[in-house]
């Protein structure tokens, strides 16, 4: 089954600011039960991990093909392997 992943910051709030200490990839295929997949030091690294996770699950038998959702507007192919 093709999964849907989301990238979100790992943050801690203080009185002065909101501190981002990293990024995590969360499987949100079931909105009622999100599951953390991985943690990363940078947002681009987390985005790559989310893309890879969605792509890998789209290769499982019976899964619909991966969509072409663009995570990074500066990437003309949206990080997908297009011809």
PDB file of N, CA and C in Angstrom:
ATOM      1  N   UNK A   1       0.839  -1.172   0.000  1.00  0.00           N
ATOM      2  CA  UNK A   1       0.000   0.000   0.000  1.00  0.00           C
ATOM      3  C   UNK A   1       0.890   1.244   0.000  1.00  0.00           C
ATOM      4  N   UNK A   2       0.612   2.151  -0.877  1.00  0.00           N
ATOM      5  CA  UNK A   2       1.373   3.397  -0.925  1.00  0.00           C
ATOM      6  C   UNK A   2       1.063   4.221   0.318  1.00  0.00           C
ATOM      7  N   UNK A   3       2.110   4.692   0.954  1.00  0.00           N
ATOM      8  CA  UNK A   3       1.979   5.478   2.184  1.00  0.00           C
ATOM      9  C   UNK A   3       2.142   6.964   1.897  1.00  0.00           C
ATOM     10  N   UNK A   4       1.670   7.778   2.804  1.00  0.00           N
ATOM     11  CA  UNK A   4       1.823   9.226   2.711  1.00  0.00           C
ATOM     12  C   UNK A   4       2.658   9.685   3.889  1.00  0.00           C
ATOM     13  N   UNK A   5       3.731  10.421   3.599  1.00  0.00           N
ATOM     14  CA  UNK A   5       4.621  10.904   4.651  1.00  0.00           C
ATOM     15  C   UNK A   5       4.561  12.420   4.735  1.00  0.00           C
ATOM     16  N   UNK A   6       4.846  12.917   5.933  1.00  0.00           N
ATOM     17  CA  UNK A   6       4.847  14.348   6.184  1.00  0.00           C
ATOM     18  C   UNK A   6       6.142  14.690   6.916  1.00  0.00           C
ATOM     19  N   UNK A   7       6.713  15.838   6.589  1.00  0.00           N
ATOM     20  CA  UNK A   7       7.921  16.317   7.262  1.00  0.00           C
ATOM     21  C   UNK A   7       7.496  17.431   8.216  1.00  0.00           C
ATOM     22  N   UNK A   8       7.942  17.327   9.460  1.00  0.00           N
ATOM     23  CA  UNK A   8       7.606  18.373  10.422  1.00  0.00           C
ATOM     24  C   UNK A   8       8.798  18.655  11.332  1.00  0.00           C
ATOM     25  N   UNK A   9       8.877  19.871  11.857  1.00  0.00           N
ATOM     26  CA  UNK A   9      10.005  20.218  12.724  1.00  0.00           C
ATOM     27  C   UNK A   9       9.867  19.586  14.106  1.00  0.00           C
ATOM     28  N   UNK A  10      11.004  19.304  14.704  1.00  0.00           N
ATOM     29  CA  UNK A  10      11.058  18.905  16.108  1.00  0.00           C
ATOM     30  C   UNK A  10      11.383  20.198  16.843  1.00  0.00           C
ATOM     31  N   UNK A  11      10.456  20.680  17.643  1.00  0.00           N
ATOM     32  CA  UNK A  11      10.645  22.004  18.224  1.00  0.00           C
ATOM     33  C   UNK A  11      10.394  22.009  19.723  1.00  0.00           C
ATOM     34  N   UNK A  12      10.992  23.019  20.343  1.00  0.00           N
ATOM     35  CA  UNK A  12      10.834  23.248  21.768  1.00  0.00           C
ATOM     36  C   UNK A  12      10.607  24.739  21.955  1.00  0.00           C
ATOM     37  N   UNK A  13       9.594  25.065  22.705  1.00  0.00           N
ATOM     38  CA  UNK A  13       9.271  26.476  22.918  1.00  0.00           C
ATOM     39  C   UNK A  13       9.891  26.975  24.215  1.00  0.00           C
ATOM     40  N   UNK A  14      10.453  28.166  24.158  1.00  0.00           N
ATOM     41  CA  UNK A  14      10.917  28.874  25.345  1.00  0.00           C
ATOM     42  C   UNK A  14      10.156  30.185  25.400  1.00  0.00           C
ATOM     43  N   UNK A  15      10.402  30.971  26.413  1.00  0.00           N
ATOM     44  CA  UNK A  15       9.715  32.260  26.503  1.00  0.00           C
ATOM     45  C   UNK A  15      10.186  33.205  25.406  1.00  0.00           C
ATOM     46  N   UNK A  16      11.420  33.037  24.945  1.00  0.00           N
ATOM     47  CA  UNK A  16      11.985  33.942  23.952  1.00  0.00           C
ATOM     48  C   UNK A  16      11.762  33.497  22.507  1.00  0.00           C
ATOM     49  N   UNK A  17      11.703  32.175  22.276  1.00  0.00           N
ATOM     50  CA  UNK A  17      11.658  31.708  20.892  1.00  0.00           C
ATOM     51  C   UNK A  17      11.170  30.261  20.807  1.00  0.00           C
ATOM     52  N   UNK A  18      10.943  29.845  19.579  1.00  0.00           N
ATOM     53  CA  UNK A  18      10.676  28.439  19.287  1.00  0.00           C
ATOM     54  C   UNK A  18      11.950  27.888  18.663  1.00  0.00           C
ATOM     55  N   UNK A  19      12.529  26.877  19.297  1.00  0.00           N
ATOM     56  CA  UNK A  19      13.790  26.305  18.830  1.00  0.00           C
ATOM     57  C   UNK A  19      13.524  25.027  18.043  1.00  0.00           C
ATOM     58  N   UNK A  20      14.078  24.940  16.832  1.00  0.00           N
ATOM     59  CA  UNK A  20      13.953  23.744  16.006  1.00  0.00           C
ATOM     60  C   UNK A  20      15.250  22.959  16.164  1.00  0.00           C
ATOM     61  N   UNK A  21      15.137  21.736  16.703  1.00  0.00           N
ATOM     62  CA  UNK A  21      16.326  20.924  16.944  1.00  0.00           C
ATOM     63  C   UNK A  21      16.530  19.851  15.889  1.00  0.00           C
ATOM     64  N   UNK A  22      15.585  19.702  14.985  1.00  0.00           N
ATOM     65  CA  UNK A  22      15.699  18.705  13.930  1.00  0.00           C
ATOM     66  C   UNK A  22      14.387  18.583  13.180  1.00  0.00           C
ATOM     67  N   UNK A  23      14.317  17.540  12.351  1.00  0.00           N
ATOM     68  CA  UNK A  23      13.131  17.305  11.518  1.00  0.00           C
ATOM     69  C   UNK A  23      12.779  15.835  11.586  1.00  0.00           C
ATOM     70  N   UNK A  24      11.494  15.541  11.522  1.00  0.00           N
ATOM     71  CA  UNK A  24      11.071  14.152  11.536  1.00  0.00           C
ATOM     72  C   UNK A  24      10.132  13.860  10.381  1.00  0.00           C
ATOM     73  N   UNK A  25      10.143  12.603   9.971  1.00  0.00           N
ATOM     74  CA  UNK A  25       9.265  12.117   8.919  1.00  0.00           C
ATOM     75  C   UNK A  25       8.188  11.288   9.604  1.00  0.00           C
ATOM     76  N   UNK A  26       6.935  11.607   9.310  1.00  0.00           N
ATOM     77  CA  UNK A  26       5.805  10.945   9.949  1.00  0.00           C
ATOM     78  C   UNK A  26       4.926  10.321   8.866  1.00  0.00           C
ATOM     79  N   UNK A  27       4.570   9.044   9.055  1.00  0.00           N
ATOM     80  CA  UNK A  27       3.629   8.366   8.163  1.00  0.00           C
ATOM     81  C   UNK A  27       2.230   8.797   8.587  1.00  0.00           C
ATOM     82  N   UNK A  28       1.534   9.525   7.703  1.00  0.00           N
ATOM     83  CA  UNK A  28       0.188  10.015   7.998  1.00  0.00           C
ATOM     84  C   UNK A  28      -0.863   9.333   7.114  1.00  0.00           C
ATOM     85  N   UNK A  29      -0.552   8.119   6.660  1.00  0.00           N
ATOM     86  CA  UNK A  29      -1.501   7.377   5.830  1.00  0.00           C
ATOM     87  C   UNK A  29      -2.812   7.168   6.565  1.00  0.00           C
ATOM     88  N   UNK A  30      -2.729   6.918   7.865  1.00  0.00           N
ATOM     89  CA  UNK A  30      -3.918   6.843   8.715  1.00  0.00           C
ATOM     90  C   UNK A  30      -3.872   8.067   9.622  1.00  0.00           C
ATOM     91  N   UNK A  31      -4.676   9.101   9.321  1.00  0.00           N
ATOM     92  CA  UNK A  31      -4.609  10.349  10.086  1.00  0.00           C
ATOM     93  C   UNK A  31      -4.869  10.170  11.585  1.00  0.00           C
ATOM     94  N   UNK A  32      -5.565   9.105  11.953  1.00  0.00           N
ATOM     95  CA  UNK A  32      -5.855   8.868  13.369  1.00  0.00           C
ATOM     96  C   UNK A  32      -4.685   8.215  14.108  1.00  0.00           C
ATOM     97  N   UNK A  33      -3.724   7.662  13.359  1.00  0.00           N
ATOM     98  CA  UNK A  33      -2.585   6.996  13.971  1.00  0.00           C
ATOM     99  C   UNK A  33      -1.290   7.340  13.243  1.00  0.00           C
ATOM    100  N   UNK A  34      -0.844   8.587  13.312  1.00  0.00           N
ATOM    101  CA  UNK A  34       0.428   8.920  12.660  1.00  0.00           C
ATOM    102  C   UNK A  34       1.581   8.205  13.357  1.00  0.00           C
ATOM    103  N   UNK A  35       2.580   7.786  12.569  1.00  0.00           N
ATOM    104  CA  UNK A  35       3.726   7.064  13.115  1.00  0.00           C
ATOM    105  C   UNK A  35       5.010   7.731  12.651  1.00  0.00           C
ATOM    106  N   UNK A  36       5.892   8.010  13.592  1.00  0.00           N
ATOM    107  CA  UNK A  36       7.184   8.592  13.229  1.00  0.00           C
ATOM    108  C   UNK A  36       8.030   7.530  12.541  1.00  0.00           C
ATOM    109  N   UNK A  37       8.608   7.900  11.397  1.00  0.00           N
ATOM    110  CA  UNK A  37       9.426   6.989  10.612  1.00  0.00           C
ATOM    111  C   UNK A  37      10.910   7.214  10.885  1.00  0.00           C
ATOM    112  N   UNK A  38      11.317   8.483  10.912  1.00  0.00           N
ATOM    113  CA  UNK A  38      12.732   8.787  11.115  1.00  0.00           C
ATOM    114  C   UNK A  38      12.913  10.225  11.583  1.00  0.00           C
ATOM    115  N   UNK A  39      14.153  10.520  12.062  1.00  0.00           N
ATOM    116  CA  UNK A  39      14.528  11.871  12.487  1.00  0.00           C
ATOM    117  C   UNK A  39      15.786  12.281  11.736  1.00  0.00           C
ATOM    118  N   UNK A  40      15.893  13.596  11.462  1.00  0.00           N
ATOM    119  CA  UNK A  40      17.003  14.105  10.668  1.00  0.00           C
ATOM    120  C   UNK A  40      17.467  15.451  11.203  1.00  0.00           C
ATOM    121  N   UNK A  41      18.727  15.785  10.884  1.00  0.00           N
ATOM    122  CA  UNK A  41      19.302  17.054  11.331  1.00  0.00           C
ATOM    123  C   UNK A  41      18.870  18.232  10.470  1.00  0.00           C
ATOM    124  N   UNK A  42      18.561  17.976   9.192  1.00  0.00           N
ATOM    125  CA  UNK A  42      18.204  19.074   8.296  1.00  0.00           C
ATOM    126  C   UNK A  42      16.887  18.775   7.577  1.00  0.00           C
ATOM    127  N   UNK A  43      16.211  19.840   7.161  1.00  0.00           N
ATOM    128  CA  UNK A  43      14.941  19.683   6.452  1.00  0.00           C
ATOM    129  C   UNK A  43      15.127  18.996   5.092  1.00  0.00           C
ATOM    130  N   UNK A  44      16.144  19.380   4.288  1.00  0.00           N
ATOM    131  CA  UNK A  44      16.318  18.689   3.002  1.00  0.00           C
ATOM    132  C   UNK A  44      16.548  17.185   3.162  1.00  0.00           C
ATOM    133  N   UNK A  45      17.278  16.800   4.198  1.00  0.00           N
ATOM    134  CA  UNK A  45      17.512  15.376   4.461  1.00  0.00           C
ATOM    135  C   UNK A  45      16.194  14.673   4.797  1.00  0.00           C
ATOM    136  N   UNK A  46      15.357  15.312   5.588  1.00  0.00           N
ATOM    137  CA  UNK A  46      14.059  14.746   5.949  1.00  0.00           C
ATOM    138  C   UNK A  46      13.145  14.651   4.729  1.00  0.00           C
ATOM    139  N   UNK A  47      13.187  15.638   3.855  1.00  0.00           N
ATOM    140  CA  UNK A  47      12.371  15.615   2.638  1.00  0.00           C
ATOM    141  C   UNK A  47      12.783  14.445   1.750  1.00  0.00           C
ATOM    142  N   UNK A  48      14.092  14.242   1.604  1.00  0.00           N
ATOM    143  CA  UNK A  48      14.576  13.093   0.806  1.00  0.00           C
ATOM    144  C   UNK A  48      14.094  11.778   1.411  1.00  0.00           C
ATOM    145  N   UNK A  49      14.153  11.669   2.733  1.00  0.00           N
ATOM    146  CA  UNK A  49      13.706  10.446   3.412  1.00  0.00           C
ATOM    147  C   UNK A  49      12.211  10.222   3.201  1.00  0.00           C
ATOM    148  N   UNK A  50      11.410  11.284   3.252  1.00  0.00           N
ATOM    149  CA  UNK A  50       9.967  11.157   3.022  1.00  0.00           C
ATOM    150  C   UNK A  50       9.686  10.709   1.594  1.00  0.00           C
ATOM    151  N   UNK A  51      10.395  11.287   0.646  1.00  0.00           N
ATOM    152  CA  UNK A  51      10.225  10.887  -0.763  1.00  0.00           C
ATOM    153  C   UNK A  51      10.577   9.416  -0.940  1.00  0.00           C
ATOM    154  N   UNK A  52      11.715   9.016  -0.365  1.00  0.00           N
ATOM    155  CA  UNK A  52      12.157   7.617  -0.490  1.00  0.00           C
ATOM    156  C   UNK A  52      11.147   6.667   0.140  1.00  0.00           C
ATOM    157  N   UNK A  53      10.616   7.037   1.301  1.00  0.00           N
ATOM    158  CA  UNK A  53       9.636   6.200   1.992  1.00  0.00           C
ATOM    159  C   UNK A  53       8.384   6.026   1.137  1.00  0.00           C
ATOM    160  N   UNK A  54       7.867   7.115   0.598  1.00  0.00           N
ATOM    161  CA  UNK A  54       6.665   7.027  -0.243  1.00  0.00           C
ATOM    162  C   UNK A  54       6.953   6.214  -1.512  1.00  0.00           C
ATOM    163  N   UNK A  55       8.115   6.430  -2.103  1.00  0.00           N
ATOM    164  CA  UNK A  55       8.463   5.709  -3.333  1.00  0.00           C
ATOM    165  C   UNK A  55       8.590   4.212  -3.071  1.00  0.00           C
ATOM    166  N   UNK A  56       9.264   3.840  -1.981  1.00  0.00           N
ATOM    167  CA  UNK A  56       9.451   2.420  -1.667  1.00  0.00           C
ATOM    168  C   UNK A  56       8.117   1.723  -1.453  1.00  0.00           C
ATOM    169  N   UNK A  57       7.193   2.370  -0.751  1.00  0.00           N
ATOM    170  CA  UNK A  57       5.906   1.722  -0.500  1.00  0.00           C
ATOM    171  C   UNK A  57       5.064   1.647  -1.766  1.00  0.00           C
ATOM    172  N   UNK A  58       5.315   2.513  -2.737  1.00  0.00           N
ATOM    173  CA  UNK A  58       4.544   2.458  -3.985  1.00  0.00           C
ATOM    174  C   UNK A  58       4.984   1.286  -4.856  1.00  0.00           C
ATOM    175  N   UNK A  59       6.134   0.693  -4.549  1.00  0.00           N
ATOM    176  CA  UNK A  59       6.630  -0.444  -5.319  1.00  0.00           C
ATOM    177  C   UNK A  59       6.086  -1.783  -4.816  1.00  0.00           C
ATOM    178  N   UNK A  60       5.383  -1.786  -3.691  1.00  0.00           N
ATOM    179  CA  UNK A  60       4.832  -3.020  -3.143  1.00  0.00           C
ATOM    180  C   UNK A  60       3.697  -3.514  -4.039  1.00  0.00           C
ATOM    181  N   UNK A  61       3.537  -4.839  -4.161  1.00  0.00           N
ATOM    182  CA  UNK A  61       2.468  -5.384  -5.007  1.00  0.00           C
ATOM    183  C   UNK A  61       1.096  -4.865  -4.594  1.00  0.00           C
ATOM    184  N   UNK A  62       0.297  -4.467  -5.576  1.00  0.00           N
ATOM    185  CA  UNK A  62      -1.051  -3.989  -5.340  1.00  0.00           C
ATOM    186  C   UNK A  62      -1.152  -2.527  -4.961  1.00  0.00           C
ATOM    187  N   UNK A  63      -0.024  -1.834  -4.899  1.00  0.00           N
ATOM    188  CA  UNK A  63      -0.041  -0.414  -4.526  1.00  0.00           C
ATOM    189  C   UNK A  63      -0.270   0.454  -5.743  1.00  0.00           C
ATOM    190  N   UNK A  64      -1.006   1.548  -5.560  1.00  0.00           N
ATOM    191  CA  UNK A  64      -1.128   2.493  -6.664  1.00  0.00           C
ATOM    192  C   UNK A  64       0.224   3.168  -6.888  1.00  0.00           C
ATOM    193  N   UNK A  65       0.473   3.690  -8.086  1.00  0.00           N
ATOM    194  CA  UNK A  65       1.759   4.325  -8.347  1.00  0.00           C
ATOM    195  C   UNK A  65       1.953   5.561  -7.470  1.00  0.00           C
ATOM    196  N   UNK A  66       3.212   5.887  -7.232  1.00  0.00           N
ATOM    197  CA  UNK A  66       3.558   7.070  -6.458  1.00  0.00           C
ATOM    198  C   UNK A  66       3.071   8.299  -7.214  1.00  0.00           C
ATOM    199  N   UNK A  67       2.583   9.295  -6.481  1.00  0.00           N
ATOM    200  CA  UNK A  67       2.149  10.519  -7.145  1.00  0.00           C
ATOM    201  C   UNK A  67       3.360  11.388  -7.475  1.00  0.00           C
ATOM    202  N   UNK A  68       3.112  12.515  -8.052  1.00  0.00           N
ATOM    203  CA  UNK A  68       4.218  13.408  -8.427  1.00  0.00           C
ATOM    204  C   UNK A  68       4.171  14.679  -7.595  1.00  0.00           C
ATOM    205  N   UNK A  69       3.742  14.539  -6.346  1.00  0.00           N
ATOM    206  CA  UNK A  69       3.671  15.698  -5.460  1.00  0.00           C
ATOM    207  C   UNK A  69       5.052  16.324  -5.346  1.00  0.00           C
ATOM    208  N   UNK A  70       5.101  17.634  -5.447  1.00  0.00           N
ATOM    209  CA  UNK A  70       6.360  18.356  -5.400  1.00  0.00           C
ATOM    210  C   UNK A  70       6.606  18.876  -3.986  1.00  0.00           C
ATOM    211  N   UNK A  71       7.644  18.370  -3.343  1.00  0.00           N
ATOM    212  CA  UNK A  71       8.007  18.831  -2.012  1.00  0.00           C
ATOM    213  C   UNK A  71       8.875  20.079  -2.080  1.00  0.00           C
ATOM    214  N   UNK A  72       9.583  20.252  -3.173  1.00  0.00           N
ATOM    215  CA  UNK A  72      10.534  21.347  -3.306  1.00  0.00           C
ATOM    216  C   UNK A  72      10.275  22.024  -4.647  1.00  0.00           C
ATOM    217  N   UNK A  73       9.704  23.201  -4.613  1.00  0.00           N
ATOM    218  CA  UNK A  73       9.326  23.880  -5.848  1.00  0.00           C
ATOM    219  C   UNK A  73      10.530  24.217  -6.733  1.00  0.00           C
ATOM    220  N   UNK A  74      11.725  24.234  -6.162  1.00  0.00           N
ATOM    221  CA  UNK A  74      12.911  24.540  -6.965  1.00  0.00           C
ATOM    222  C   UNK A  74      13.378  23.320  -7.774  1.00  0.00           C
ATOM    223  N   UNK A  75      12.850  22.135  -7.464  1.00  0.00           N
ATOM    224  CA  UNK A  75      13.226  20.911  -8.182  1.00  0.00           C
ATOM    225  C   UNK A  75      12.215  20.704  -9.306  1.00  0.00           C
ATOM    226  N   UNK A  76      12.647  20.838 -10.579  1.00  0.00           N
ATOM    227  CA  UNK A  76      11.682  20.765 -11.688  1.00  0.00           C
ATOM    228  C   UNK A  76      10.982  19.421 -11.816  1.00  0.00           C
ATOM    229  N   UNK A  77      11.569  18.334 -11.306  1.00  0.00           N
ATOM    230  CA  UNK A  77      10.910  17.032 -11.392  1.00  0.00           C
ATOM    231  C   UNK A  77      10.293  16.613 -10.064  1.00  0.00           C
ATOM    232  N   UNK A  78      10.343  17.487  -9.091  1.00  0.00           N
ATOM    233  CA  UNK A  78       9.719  17.185  -7.805  1.00  0.00           C
ATOM    234  C   UNK A  78      10.351  16.017  -7.092  1.00  0.00           C
ATOM    235  N   UNK A  79      11.607  15.692  -7.427  1.00  0.00           N
ATOM    236  CA  UNK A  79      12.307  14.614  -6.744  1.00  0.00           C
ATOM    237  C   UNK A  79      11.914  13.229  -7.218  1.00  0.00           C
ATOM    238  N   UNK A  80      11.066  13.144  -8.216  1.00  0.00           N
ATOM    239  CA  UNK A  80      10.609  11.843  -8.704  1.00  0.00           C
ATOM    240  C   UNK A  80      11.449  11.448  -9.921  1.00  0.00           C
ATOM    241  N   UNK A  81      11.493  10.176 -10.170  1.00  0.00           N
ATOM    242  CA  UNK A  81      12.230   9.653 -11.317  1.00  0.00           C
ATOM    243  C   UNK A  81      11.313   9.676 -12.541  1.00  0.00           C
ATOM    244  N   UNK A  82      11.273  10.786 -13.226  1.00  0.00           N
ATOM    245  CA  UNK A  82      10.425  10.940 -14.394  1.00  0.00           C
ATOM    246  C   UNK A  82      11.284  10.825 -15.663  1.00  0.00           C
ATOM    247  N   UNK A  83      10.701  10.309 -16.755  1.00  0.00           N
ATOM    248  CA  UNK A  83      11.482  10.168 -17.995  1.00  0.00           C
ATOM    249  C   UNK A  83      11.895  11.506 -18.575  1.00  0.00           C
TER     250      UNK A  83
END
